Amino acid sequence: MPDEASLLAANRAYYRAFSSNDFTAMNEIWGQGDISCVHPGWPVLVGRQAVLASYRDILRNPQQEPIQHRNETAMLSATEGRVFCVEIVGEAALVATNWFRLVDGAWRLVHHQASPLATLSEPQSRPRSLH
């Protein structure tokens, strides 16, 4: 049975591969089947070849700024897990969704999407009022 700790470990492995420009590790993190990705400002990328080509190009870019992540929130089912987090790239803050599927006992990334975050705030301890 999958657990939240293993899902978060897979998410952290994704960011470790990203921050160390490790294309081999990035390749291993992604699933083999139908995968997709939406980088900020990019069109939707569908299929393993297109998605991994984008990461190869990003990781090879000497001007790529380091990436950090924080504020992970996980949602988990029997075979799929989603992690929502904030990415910090240079001065920009992005909100990201990483969708994983459990394949032969290992979490594999099947979708990544990141979008600009209007403001960076800490998680609130109480619900927001609508009024």
Foldseek 3Di string as FASTA:
>chain_A
DDDPVQVVVLVVQCLVCLQVLPLVSNLVQADQPWAWEAEEPDDIDIHPVRVSVVSNVLSPDPPFFGKDWDDWDKDDDPFKIKIWIWIDTPPWIKIKIWIWTQDPNHTHTRYIYIYTDPDDDDDDPDDDDPD
